[in-house]
Amino acid sequence: MKNEVKEAGKMWKVLESVYLYKDNWLTARKDRVLLPNGNQIPSFYILEYPTWINVLAVTKDRKYIFVRQYRHGIQEVRYELCAGVCDPTDASPMEAAKRELSEETGYGKG
């Protein structure tokens, strides 16, 4: 898809990037960009995250597996998909998904 966008001449040219915040979980960046039509956007904000996986797990009897977790941002407990960051030790995103599913739900251990 990225190559298709490049070929169509629709890529934005980054004129300047400034990192506003960096830590292990979130990076915030402000880019000044030039659009293909010649217009500039002086402040286009981007949030960068580590490589992340979500798992839609289904049992043999067609039941979906969710985790129940407290989310501080909304101060509520919610049901959600199993998810997590791919660790450097994970051989692939699939291995990360299997690890997260096992850690969070106990499924997939065998």
PDB file of N, CA and C in Angstrom:
ATOM      1  N   MET A   1       0.825  -1.195   0.000  1.00  0.00           N
ATOM      2  CA  MET A   1       0.000   0.000   0.000  1.00  0.00           C
ATOM      3  C   MET A   1       0.868   1.257   0.000  1.00  0.00           C
ATOM      4  N   LYS A   2       1.950   1.234   0.809  1.00  0.00           N
ATOM      5  CA  LYS A   2       2.808   2.404   0.882  1.00  0.00           C
ATOM      6  C   LYS A   2       3.406   2.716  -0.494  1.00  0.00           C
ATOM      7  N   ASN A   3       3.842   1.683  -1.227  1.00  0.00           N
ATOM      8  CA  ASN A   3       4.399   1.898  -2.559  1.00  0.00           C
ATOM      9  C   ASN A   3       3.360   2.465  -3.506  1.00  0.00           C
ATOM     10  N   GLU A   4       2.109   2.006  -3.388  1.00  0.00           N
ATOM     11  CA  GLU A   4       1.042   2.529  -4.238  1.00  0.00           C
ATOM     12  C   GLU A   4       0.851   4.021  -4.009  1.00  0.00           C
ATOM     13  N   VAL A   5       0.939   4.436  -2.747  1.00  0.00           N
ATOM     14  CA  VAL A   5       0.784   5.856  -2.422  1.00  0.00           C
ATOM     15  C   VAL A   5       1.945   6.642  -3.012  1.00  0.00           C
ATOM     16  N   LYS A   6       3.167   6.114  -2.883  1.00  0.00           N
ATOM     17  CA  LYS A   6       4.334   6.792  -3.452  1.00  0.00           C
ATOM     18  C   LYS A   6       4.183   6.939  -4.959  1.00  0.00           C
ATOM     19  N   GLU A   7       3.781   5.864  -5.616  1.00  0.00           N
ATOM     20  CA  GLU A   7       3.637   5.879  -7.068  1.00  0.00           C
ATOM     21  C   GLU A   7       2.577   6.878  -7.510  1.00  0.00           C
ATOM     22  N   ALA A   8       1.569   7.059  -6.718  1.00  0.00           N
ATOM     23  CA  ALA A   8       0.501   7.988  -7.080  1.00  0.00           C
ATOM     24  C   ALA A   8       0.902   9.441  -6.829  1.00  0.00           C
ATOM     25  N   GLY A   9       2.096   9.657  -6.246  1.00  0.00           N
ATOM     26  CA  GLY A   9       2.570  11.011  -5.982  1.00  0.00           C
ATOM     27  C   GLY A   9       1.813  11.708  -4.879  1.00  0.00           C
ATOM     28  N   LYS A  10       1.297  10.937  -3.937  1.00  0.00           N
ATOM     29  CA  LYS A  10       0.480  11.524  -2.881  1.00  0.00           C
ATOM     30  C   LYS A  10       1.199  11.581  -1.534  1.00  0.00           C
ATOM     31  N   MET A  11       2.470  11.249  -1.524  1.00  0.00           N
ATOM     32  CA  MET A  11       3.221  11.298  -0.272  1.00  0.00           C
ATOM     33  C   MET A  11       3.408  12.753   0.166  1.00  0.00           C
ATOM     34  N   TRP A  12       3.328  12.956   1.456  1.00  0.00           N
ATOM     35  CA  TRP A  12       3.628  14.267   2.012  1.00  0.00           C
ATOM     36  C   TRP A  12       5.132  14.337   2.240  1.00  0.00           C
ATOM     37  N   LYS A  13       5.732  15.459   1.961  1.00  0.00           N
ATOM     38  CA  LYS A  13       7.160  15.637   2.196  1.00  0.00           C
ATOM     39  C   LYS A  13       7.344  16.239   3.584  1.00  0.00           C
ATOM     40  N   VAL A  14       8.150  15.576   4.396  1.00  0.00           N
ATOM     41  CA  VAL A  14       8.424  16.067   5.748  1.00  0.00           C
ATOM     42  C   VAL A  14       9.544  17.097   5.654  1.00  0.00           C
ATOM     43  N   LEU A  15       9.232  18.320   6.029  1.00  0.00           N
ATOM     44  CA  LEU A  15      10.199  19.408   5.991  1.00  0.00           C
ATOM     45  C   LEU A  15      10.962  19.522   7.301  1.00  0.00           C
ATOM     46  N   GLU A  16      10.298  19.139   8.386  1.00  0.00           N
ATOM     47  CA  GLU A  16      10.923  19.223   9.711  1.00  0.00           C
ATOM     48  C   GLU A  16      10.164  18.313  10.664  1.00  0.00           C
ATOM     49  N   SER A  17      10.906  17.642  11.549  1.00  0.00           N
ATOM     50  CA  SER A  17      10.306  16.817  12.606  1.00  0.00           C
ATOM     51  C   SER A  17      10.903  17.223  13.939  1.00  0.00           C
ATOM     52  N   VAL A  18      10.042  17.393  14.917  1.00  0.00           N
ATOM     53  CA  VAL A  18      10.486  17.721  16.271  1.00  0.00           C
ATOM     54  C   VAL A  18       9.828  16.727  17.219  1.00  0.00           C
ATOM     55  N   TYR A  19      10.655  16.035  18.005  1.00  0.00           N
ATOM     56  CA  TYR A  19      10.110  15.128  19.013  1.00  0.00           C
ATOM     57  C   TYR A  19       9.745  15.938  20.247  1.00  0.00           C
ATOM     58  N   LEU A  20       8.497  15.822  20.654  1.00  0.00           N
ATOM     59  CA  LEU A  20       7.979  16.577  21.789  1.00  0.00           C
ATOM     60  C   LEU A  20       8.063  15.785  23.084  1.00  0.00           C
ATOM     61  N   TYR A  21       7.979  14.447  22.957  1.00  0.00           N
ATOM     62  CA  TYR A  21       7.973  13.585  24.142  1.00  0.00           C
ATOM     63  C   TYR A  21       8.374  12.184  23.716  1.00  0.00           C
ATOM     64  N   LYS A  22       9.197  11.527  24.546  1.00  0.00           N
ATOM     65  CA  LYS A  22       9.597  10.143  24.271  1.00  0.00           C
ATOM     66  C   LYS A  22       9.665   9.367  25.577  1.00  0.00           C
ATOM     67  N   ASP A  23       9.083   8.176  25.578  1.00  0.00           N
ATOM     68  CA  ASP A  23       9.323   7.204  26.637  1.00  0.00           C
ATOM     69  C   ASP A  23       9.106   5.815  26.039  1.00  0.00           C
ATOM     70  N   ASN A  24       9.069   4.781  26.889  1.00  0.00           N
ATOM     71  CA  ASN A  24       8.953   3.410  26.384  1.00  0.00           C
ATOM     72  C   ASN A  24       7.611   3.118  25.733  1.00  0.00           C
ATOM     73  N   TRP A  25       6.571   3.825  26.120  1.00  0.00           N
ATOM     74  CA  TRP A  25       5.219   3.500  25.660  1.00  0.00           C
ATOM     75  C   TRP A  25       4.659   4.461  24.624  1.00  0.00           C
ATOM     76  N   LEU A  26       5.209   5.663  24.554  1.00  0.00           N
ATOM     77  CA  LEU A  26       4.613   6.676  23.688  1.00  0.00           C
ATOM     78  C   LEU A  26       5.664   7.689  23.253  1.00  0.00           C
ATOM     79  N   THR A  27       5.603   8.059  22.002  1.00  0.00           N
ATOM     80  CA  THR A  27       6.436   9.133  21.473  1.00  0.00           C
ATOM     81  C   THR A  27       5.511  10.094  20.732  1.00  0.00           C
ATOM     82  N   ALA A  28       5.653  11.373  21.024  1.00  0.00           N
ATOM     83  CA  ALA A  28       4.861  12.397  20.338  1.00  0.00           C
ATOM     84  C   ALA A  28       5.797  13.239  19.477  1.00  0.00           C
ATOM     85  N   ARG A  29       5.389  13.440  18.227  1.00  0.00           N
ATOM     86  CA  ARG A  29       6.215  14.150  17.262  1.00  0.00           C
ATOM     87  C   ARG A  29       5.361  15.193  16.538  1.00  0.00           C
ATOM     88  N   LYS A  30       6.001  16.318  16.207  1.00  0.00           N
ATOM     89  CA  LYS A  30       5.337  17.343  15.397  1.00  0.00           C
ATOM     90  C   LYS A  30       6.118  17.483  14.096  1.00  0.00           C
ATOM     91  N   ASP A  31       5.420  17.286  12.982  1.00  0.00           N
ATOM     92  CA  ASP A  31       6.039  17.438  11.666  1.00  0.00           C
ATOM     93  C   ASP A  31       5.507  18.689  10.977  1.00  0.00           C
ATOM     94  N   ARG A  32       6.386  19.320  10.226  1.00  0.00           N
ATOM     95  CA  ARG A  32       5.975  20.364   9.282  1.00  0.00           C
ATOM     96  C   ARG A  32       6.049  19.695   7.921  1.00  0.00           C
ATOM     97  N   VAL A  33       4.934  19.672   7.191  1.00  0.00           N
ATOM     98  CA  VAL A  33       4.873  18.890   5.955  1.00  0.00           C
ATOM     99  C   VAL A  33       4.425  19.734   4.766  1.00  0.00           C
ATOM    100  N   LEU A  34       4.856  19.267   3.597  1.00  0.00           N
ATOM    101  CA  LEU A  34       4.456  19.863   2.329  1.00  0.00           C
ATOM    102  C   LEU A  34       3.570  18.862   1.609  1.00  0.00           C
ATOM    103  N   LEU A  35       2.359  19.291   1.270  1.00  0.00           N
ATOM    104  CA  LEU A  35       1.408  18.426   0.576  1.00  0.00           C
ATOM    105  C   LEU A  35       1.695  18.412  -0.927  1.00  0.00           C
ATOM    106  N   PRO A  36       1.241  17.382  -1.629  1.00  0.00           N
ATOM    107  CA  PRO A  36       1.455  17.308  -3.081  1.00  0.00           C
ATOM    108  C   PRO A  36       0.900  18.516  -3.846  1.00  0.00           C
ATOM    109  N   ASN A  37      -0.120  19.166  -3.282  1.00  0.00           N
ATOM    110  CA  ASN A  37      -0.705  20.335  -3.963  1.00  0.00           C
ATOM    111  C   ASN A  37       0.046  21.635  -3.667  1.00  0.00           C
ATOM    112  N   GLY A  38       1.146  21.537  -2.882  1.00  0.00           N
ATOM    113  CA  GLY A  38       1.956  22.713  -2.575  1.00  0.00           C
ATOM    114  C   GLY A  38       1.626  23.384  -1.259  1.00  0.00           C
ATOM    115  N   ASN A  39       0.515  23.035  -0.639  1.00  0.00           N
ATOM    116  CA  ASN A  39       0.163  23.602   0.665  1.00  0.00           C
ATOM    117  C   ASN A  39       1.049  23.008   1.750  1.00  0.00           C
ATOM    118  N   GLN A  40       1.279  23.800   2.805  1.00  0.00           N
ATOM    119  CA  GLN A  40       2.044  23.325   3.953  1.00  0.00           C
ATOM    120  C   GLN A  40       1.132  23.186   5.160  1.00  0.00           C
ATOM    121  N   ILE A  41       1.405  22.175   5.952  1.00  0.00           N
ATOM    122  CA  ILE A  41       0.782  22.043   7.269  1.00  0.00           C
ATOM    123  C   ILE A  41       1.922  22.255   8.260  1.00  0.00           C
ATOM    124  N   PRO A  42       1.886  23.357   9.024  1.00  0.00           N
ATOM    125  CA  PRO A  42       3.007  23.666   9.909  1.00  0.00           C
ATOM    126  C   PRO A  42       3.095  22.775  11.146  1.00  0.00           C
ATOM    127  N   SER A  43       1.976  22.237  11.583  1.00  0.00           N
ATOM    128  CA  SER A  43       1.970  21.416  12.802  1.00  0.00           C
ATOM    129  C   SER A  43       1.061  20.213  12.606  1.00  0.00           C
ATOM    130  N   PHE A  44       1.644  19.107  12.174  1.00  0.00           N
ATOM    131  CA  PHE A  44       0.904  17.851  12.040  1.00  0.00           C
ATOM    132  C   PHE A  44       1.446  16.921  13.119  1.00  0.00           C
ATOM    133  N   TYR A  45       0.596  16.529  14.072  1.00  0.00           N
ATOM    134  CA  TYR A  45       1.042  15.767  15.235  1.00  0.00           C
ATOM    135  C   TYR A  45       0.885  14.268  15.011  1.00  0.00           C
ATOM    136  N   ILE A  46       1.901  13.535  15.411  1.00  0.00           N
ATOM    137  CA  ILE A  46       1.931  12.082  15.245  1.00  0.00           C
ATOM    138  C   ILE A  46       2.258  11.444  16.582  1.00  0.00           C
ATOM    139  N   LEU A  47       1.494  10.414  16.936  1.00  0.00           N
ATOM    140  CA  LEU A  47       1.802   9.597  18.102  1.00  0.00           C
ATOM    141  C   LEU A  47       2.409   8.299  17.607  1.00  0.00           C
ATOM    142  N   GLU A  48       3.588   7.962  18.099  1.00  0.00           N
ATOM    143  CA  GLU A  48       4.261   6.722  17.732  1.00  0.00           C
ATOM    144  C   GLU A  48       4.174   5.765  18.913  1.00  0.00           C
ATOM    145  N   TYR A  49       3.954   4.500  18.602  1.00  0.00           N
ATOM    146  CA  TYR A  49       3.857   3.474  19.637  1.00  0.00           C
ATOM    147  C   TYR A  49       4.780   2.324  19.268  1.00  0.00           C
ATOM    148  N   PRO A  50       5.161   1.508  20.257  1.00  0.00           N
ATOM    149  CA  PRO A  50       5.918   0.303  19.916  1.00  0.00           C
ATOM    150  C   PRO A  50       5.041  -0.654  19.108  1.00  0.00           C
ATOM    151  N   THR A  51       5.662  -1.632  18.461  1.00  0.00           N
ATOM    152  CA  THR A  51       4.901  -2.629  17.715  1.00  0.00           C
ATOM    153  C   THR A  51       3.963  -3.340  18.673  1.00  0.00           C
ATOM    154  N   TRP A  52       2.697  -3.431  18.304  1.00  0.00           N
ATOM    155  CA  TRP A  52       1.624  -3.844  19.188  1.00  0.00           C
ATOM    156  C   TRP A  52       0.773  -4.900  18.506  1.00  0.00           C
ATOM    157  N   ILE A  53       0.259  -5.839  19.273  1.00  0.00           N
ATOM    158  CA  ILE A  53      -0.629  -6.859  18.713  1.00  0.00           C
ATOM    159  C   ILE A  53      -1.954  -6.869  19.470  1.00  0.00           C
ATOM    160  N   ASN A  54      -3.001  -7.271  18.775  1.00  0.00           N
ATOM    161  CA  ASN A  54      -4.311  -7.547  19.365  1.00  0.00           C
ATOM    162  C   ASN A  54      -4.679  -8.961  18.970  1.00  0.00           C
ATOM    163  N   VAL A  55      -5.310  -9.686  19.888  1.00  0.00           N
ATOM    164  CA  VAL A  55      -5.644 -11.084  19.635  1.00  0.00           C
ATOM    165  C   VAL A  55      -7.155 -11.269  19.710  1.00  0.00           C
ATOM    166  N   LEU A  56      -7.741 -11.749  18.628  1.00  0.00           N
ATOM    167  CA  LEU A  56      -9.139 -12.162  18.633  1.00  0.00           C
ATOM    168  C   LEU A  56      -9.112 -13.679  18.756  1.00  0.00           C
ATOM    169  N   ALA A  57      -9.255 -14.159  19.987  1.00  0.00           N
ATOM    170  CA  ALA A  57      -9.147 -15.595  20.270  1.00  0.00           C
ATOM    171  C   ALA A  57     -10.532 -16.226  20.313  1.00  0.00           C
ATOM    172  N   VAL A  58     -10.660 -17.377  19.647  1.00  0.00           N
ATOM    173  CA  VAL A  58     -11.923 -18.110  19.585  1.00  0.00           C
ATOM    174  C   VAL A  58     -11.647 -19.550  20.001  1.00  0.00           C
ATOM    175  N   THR A  59     -12.447 -20.064  20.939  1.00  0.00           N
ATOM    176  CA  THR A  59     -12.273 -21.443  21.392  1.00  0.00           C
ATOM    177  C   THR A  59     -12.846 -22.412  20.355  1.00  0.00           C
ATOM    178  N   LYS A  60     -12.569 -23.705  20.559  1.00  0.00           N
ATOM    179  CA  LYS A  60     -13.076 -24.730  19.640  1.00  0.00           C
ATOM    180  C   LYS A  60     -14.602 -24.741  19.589  1.00  0.00           C
ATOM    181  N   ASP A  61     -15.241 -24.358  20.698  1.00  0.00           N
ATOM    182  CA  ASP A  61     -16.708 -24.316  20.703  1.00  0.00           C
ATOM    183  C   ASP A  61     -17.249 -22.915  20.360  1.00  0.00           C
ATOM    184  N   ARG A  62     -16.434 -22.136  19.651  1.00  0.00           N
ATOM    185  CA  ARG A  62     -16.812 -20.840  19.073  1.00  0.00           C
ATOM    186  C   ARG A  62     -17.157 -19.756  20.101  1.00  0.00           C
ATOM    187  N   LYS A  63     -16.466 -19.773  21.225  1.00  0.00           N
ATOM    188  CA  LYS A  63     -16.621 -18.702  22.213  1.00  0.00           C
ATOM    189  C   LYS A  63     -15.422 -17.763  22.093  1.00  0.00           C
ATOM    190  N   TYR A  64     -15.704 -16.478  22.206  1.00  0.00           N
ATOM    191  CA  TYR A  64     -14.651 -15.475  22.108  1.00  0.00           C
ATOM    192  C   TYR A  64     -14.037 -15.236  23.481  1.00  0.00           C
ATOM    193  N   ILE A  65     -12.728 -15.035  23.499  1.00  0.00           N
ATOM    194  CA  ILE A  65     -11.997 -14.813  24.745  1.00  0.00           C
ATOM    195  C   ILE A  65     -11.677 -13.323  24.869  1.00  0.00           C
ATOM    196  N   PHE A  66     -12.132 -12.725  25.951  1.00  0.00           N
ATOM    197  CA  PHE A  66     -11.831 -11.332  26.253  1.00  0.00           C
ATOM    198  C   PHE A  66     -11.149 -11.262  27.610  1.00  0.00           C
ATOM    199  N   VAL A  67     -10.469 -10.157  27.872  1.00  0.00           N
ATOM    200  CA  VAL A  67      -9.917  -9.901  29.196  1.00  0.00           C
ATOM    201  C   VAL A  67     -10.716  -8.760  29.811  1.00  0.00           C
ATOM    202  N   ARG A  68     -10.833  -8.798  31.119  1.00  0.00           N
ATOM    203  CA  ARG A  68     -11.555  -7.754  31.856  1.00  0.00           C
ATOM    204  C   ARG A  68     -10.500  -6.950  32.598  1.00  0.00           C
ATOM    205  N   GLN A  69     -10.363  -5.669  32.239  1.00  0.00           N
ATOM    206  CA  GLN A  69      -9.282  -4.865  32.797  1.00  0.00           C
ATOM    207  C   GLN A  69      -9.768  -3.475  33.199  1.00  0.00           C
ATOM    208  N   TYR A  70      -9.149  -2.964  34.242  1.00  0.00           N
ATOM    209  CA  TYR A  70      -9.382  -1.587  34.654  1.00  0.00           C
ATOM    210  C   TYR A  70      -8.588  -0.667  33.737  1.00  0.00           C
ATOM    211  N   ARG A  71      -9.224   0.376  33.236  1.00  0.00           N
ATOM    212  CA  ARG A  71      -8.571   1.382  32.405  1.00  0.00           C
ATOM    213  C   ARG A  71      -8.656   2.722  33.115  1.00  0.00           C
ATOM    214  N   HIS A  72      -7.500   3.194  33.559  1.00  0.00           N
ATOM    215  CA  HIS A  72      -7.458   4.403  34.363  1.00  0.00           C
ATOM    216  C   HIS A  72      -7.975   5.633  33.610  1.00  0.00           C
ATOM    217  N   GLY A  73      -7.700   5.726  32.316  1.00  0.00           N
ATOM    218  CA  GLY A  73      -8.128   6.900  31.540  1.00  0.00           C
ATOM    219  C   GLY A  73      -9.622   7.156  31.618  1.00  0.00           C
ATOM    220  N   ILE A  74     -10.409   6.089  31.653  1.00  0.00           N
ATOM    221  CA  ILE A  74     -11.864   6.233  31.756  1.00  0.00           C
ATOM    222  C   ILE A  74     -12.373   5.825  33.136  1.00  0.00           C
ATOM    223  N   GLN A  75     -11.465   5.374  33.989  1.00  0.00           N
ATOM    224  CA  GLN A  75     -11.752   4.949  35.361  1.00  0.00           C
ATOM    225  C   GLN A  75     -12.885   3.932  35.412  1.00  0.00           C
ATOM    226  N   GLU A  76     -12.782   2.944  34.539  1.00  0.00           N
ATOM    227  CA  GLU A  76     -13.778   1.878  34.476  1.00  0.00           C
ATOM    228  C   GLU A  76     -13.107   0.554  34.155  1.00  0.00           C
ATOM    229  N   VAL A  77     -13.813  -0.509  34.496  1.00  0.00           N
ATOM    230  CA  VAL A  77     -13.396  -1.850  34.104  1.00  0.00           C
ATOM    231  C   VAL A  77     -14.138  -2.186  32.820  1.00  0.00           C
ATOM    232  N   ARG A  78     -13.413  -2.691  31.825  1.00  0.00           N
ATOM    233  CA  ARG A  78     -13.997  -2.999  30.523  1.00  0.00           C
ATOM    234  C   ARG A  78     -13.538  -4.368  30.039  1.00  0.00           C
ATOM    235  N   TYR A  79     -14.347  -4.963  29.182  1.00  0.00           N
ATOM    236  CA  TYR A  79     -13.935  -6.165  28.460  1.00  0.00           C
ATOM    237  C   TYR A  79     -13.255  -5.715  27.174  1.00  0.00           C
ATOM    238  N   GLU A  80     -12.136  -6.363  26.850  1.00  0.00           N
ATOM    239  CA  GLU A  80     -11.409  -5.986  25.645  1.00  0.00           C
ATOM    240  C   GLU A  80     -10.628  -7.168  25.101  1.00  0.00           C
ATOM    241  N   LEU A  81     -10.126  -7.001  23.897  1.00  0.00           N
ATOM    242  CA  LEU A  81      -9.284  -8.032  23.309  1.00  0.00           C
ATOM    243  C   LEU A  81      -7.984  -8.144  24.085  1.00  0.00           C
ATOM    244  N   CYS A  82      -7.433  -9.325  24.101  1.00  0.00           N
ATOM    245  CA  CYS A  82      -6.093  -9.531  24.626  1.00  0.00           C
ATOM    246  C   CYS A  82      -5.140  -8.742  23.722  1.00  0.00           C
ATOM    247  N   ALA A  83      -4.197  -8.029  24.320  1.00  0.00           N
ATOM    248  CA  ALA A  83      -3.297  -7.197  23.521  1.00  0.00           C
ATOM    249  C   ALA A  83      -2.005  -6.947  24.275  1.00  0.00           C
ATOM    250  N   GLY A  84      -1.007  -6.499  23.554  1.00  0.00           N
ATOM    251  CA  GLY A  84       0.245  -6.153  24.201  1.00  0.00           C
ATOM    252  C   GLY A  84       1.329  -5.781  23.216  1.00  0.00           C
ATOM    253  N   VAL A  85       2.449  -5.362  23.773  1.00  0.00           N
ATOM    254  CA  VAL A  85       3.601  -4.942  22.989  1.00  0.00           C
ATOM    255  C   VAL A  85       4.419  -6.165  22.587  1.00  0.00           C
ATOM    256  N   CYS A  86       4.918  -6.143  21.365  1.00  0.00           N
ATOM    257  CA  CYS A  86       5.841  -7.193  20.921  1.00  0.00           C
ATOM    258  C   CYS A  86       7.186  -6.960  21.607  1.00  0.00           C
ATOM    259  N   ASP A  87       7.646  -7.954  22.342  1.00  0.00           N
ATOM    260  CA  ASP A  87       8.938  -7.867  23.018  1.00  0.00           C
ATOM    261  C   ASP A  87      10.066  -8.147  22.033  1.00  0.00           C
ATOM    262  N   PRO A  88      11.258  -7.609  22.304  1.00  0.00           N
ATOM    263  CA  PRO A  88      12.400  -7.910  21.425  1.00  0.00           C
ATOM    264  C   PRO A  88      12.716  -9.407  21.360  1.00  0.00           C
ATOM    265  N   THR A  89      12.322 -10.154  22.394  1.00  0.00           N
ATOM    266  CA  THR A  89      12.597 -11.596  22.415  1.00  0.00           C
ATOM    267  C   THR A  89      11.577 -12.401  21.621  1.00  0.00           C
ATOM    268  N   ASP A  90      10.470 -11.793  21.214  1.00  0.00           N
ATOM    269  CA  ASP A  90       9.464 -12.497  20.413  1.00  0.00           C
ATOM    270  C   ASP A  90      10.006 -12.721  19.005  1.00  0.00           C
ATOM    271  N   ALA A  91       9.899 -13.964  18.528  1.00  0.00           N
ATOM    272  CA  ALA A  91      10.409 -14.301  17.192  1.00  0.00           C
ATOM    273  C   ALA A  91       9.568 -13.676  16.081  1.00  0.00           C
ATOM    274  N   SER A  92       8.301 -13.393  16.374  1.00  0.00           N
ATOM    275  CA  SER A  92       7.394 -12.850  15.359  1.00  0.00           C
ATOM    276  C   SER A  92       6.184 -12.244  16.062  1.00  0.00           C
ATOM    277  N   PRO A  93       5.373 -11.482  15.350  1.00  0.00           N
ATOM    278  CA  PRO A  93       4.130 -10.989  15.946  1.00  0.00           C
ATOM    279  C   PRO A  93       3.217 -12.135  16.399  1.00  0.00           C
ATOM    280  N   MET A  94       3.210 -13.253  15.669  1.00  0.00           N
ATOM    281  CA  MET A  94       2.397 -14.405  16.072  1.00  0.00           C
ATOM    282  C   MET A  94       2.875 -14.960  17.414  1.00  0.00           C
ATOM    283  N   GLU A  95       4.192 -15.027  17.604  1.00  0.00           N
ATOM    284  CA  GLU A  95       4.731 -15.484  18.891  1.00  0.00           C
ATOM    285  C   GLU A  95       4.355 -14.509  20.004  1.00  0.00           C
ATOM    286  N   ALA A  96       4.382 -13.227  19.722  1.00  0.00           N
ATOM    287  CA  ALA A  96       3.967 -12.223  20.708  1.00  0.00           C
ATOM    288  C   ALA A  96       2.497 -12.407  21.055  1.00  0.00           C
ATOM    289  N   ALA A  97       1.670 -12.676  20.052  1.00  0.00           N
ATOM    290  CA  ALA A  97       0.237 -12.889  20.279  1.00  0.00           C
ATOM    291  C   ALA A  97       0.008 -14.108  21.159  1.00  0.00           C
ATOM    292  N   LYS A  98       0.713 -15.190  20.885  1.00  0.00           N
ATOM    293  CA  LYS A  98       0.579 -16.407  21.697  1.00  0.00           C
ATOM    294  C   LYS A  98       1.017 -16.146  23.135  1.00  0.00           C
ATOM    295  N   ARG A  99       2.121 -15.425  23.302  1.00  0.00           N
ATOM    296  CA  ARG A  99       2.624 -15.111  24.644  1.00  0.00           C
ATOM    297  C   ARG A  99       1.621 -14.253  25.404  1.00  0.00           C
ATOM    298  N   GLU A 100       1.119 -13.202  24.768  1.00  0.00           N
ATOM    299  CA  GLU A 100       0.153 -12.319  25.429  1.00  0.00           C
ATOM    300  C   GLU A 100      -1.126 -13.068  25.790  1.00  0.00           C
ATOM    301  N   LEU A 101      -1.610 -13.906  24.890  1.00  0.00           N
ATOM    302  CA  LEU A 101      -2.823 -14.680  25.163  1.00  0.00           C
ATOM    303  C   LEU A 101      -2.615 -15.576  26.374  1.00  0.00           C
ATOM    304  N   SER A 102      -1.470 -16.224  26.444  1.00  0.00           N
ATOM    305  CA  SER A 102      -1.163 -17.094  27.581  1.00  0.00           C
ATOM    306  C   SER A 102      -1.030 -16.288  28.873  1.00  0.00           C
ATOM    307  N   GLU A 103      -0.303 -15.170  28.825  1.00  0.00           N
ATOM    308  CA  GLU A 103      -0.095 -14.339  30.013  1.00  0.00           C
ATOM    309  C   GLU A 103      -1.403 -13.765  30.552  1.00  0.00           C
ATOM    310  N   GLU A 104      -2.247 -13.293  29.662  1.00  0.00           N
ATOM    311  CA  GLU A 104      -3.445 -12.574  30.092  1.00  0.00           C
ATOM    312  C   GLU A 104      -4.650 -13.462  30.355  1.00  0.00           C
ATOM    313  N   THR A 105      -4.703 -14.625  29.706  1.00  0.00           N
ATOM    314  CA  THR A 105      -5.909 -15.454  29.828  1.00  0.00           C
ATOM    315  C   THR A 105      -5.644 -16.886  30.267  1.00  0.00           C
ATOM    316  N   GLY A 106      -4.407 -17.354  30.108  1.00  0.00           N
ATOM    317  CA  GLY A 106      -4.109 -18.754  30.401  1.00  0.00           C
ATOM    318  C   GLY A 106      -4.371 -19.676  29.220  1.00  0.00           C
ATOM    319  N   TYR A 107      -4.973 -19.174  28.163  1.00  0.00           N
ATOM    320  CA  TYR A 107      -5.212 -19.986  26.966  1.00  0.00           C
ATOM    321  C   TYR A 107      -3.931 -20.083  26.146  1.00  0.00           C
ATOM    322  N   GLY A 108      -3.824 -21.178  25.404  1.00  0.00           N
ATOM    323  CA  GLY A 108      -2.712 -21.326  24.476  1.00  0.00           C
ATOM    324  C   GLY A 108      -1.442 -21.875  25.078  1.00  0.00           C
ATOM    325  N   LYS A 109      -1.520 -22.418  26.281  1.00  0.00           N
ATOM    326  CA  LYS A 109      -0.315 -22.957  26.919  1.00  0.00           C
ATOM    327  C   LYS A 109       0.073 -24.324  26.380  1.00  0.00           C
ATOM    328  N   GLY A 110      -0.862 -24.994  25.731  1.00  0.00           N
ATOM    329  CA  GLY A 110      -0.534 -26.348  25.322  1.00  0.00           C
ATOM    330  C   GLY A 110      -0.927 -26.703  23.986  1.00  0.00           C
TER     331      GLY A 110
END
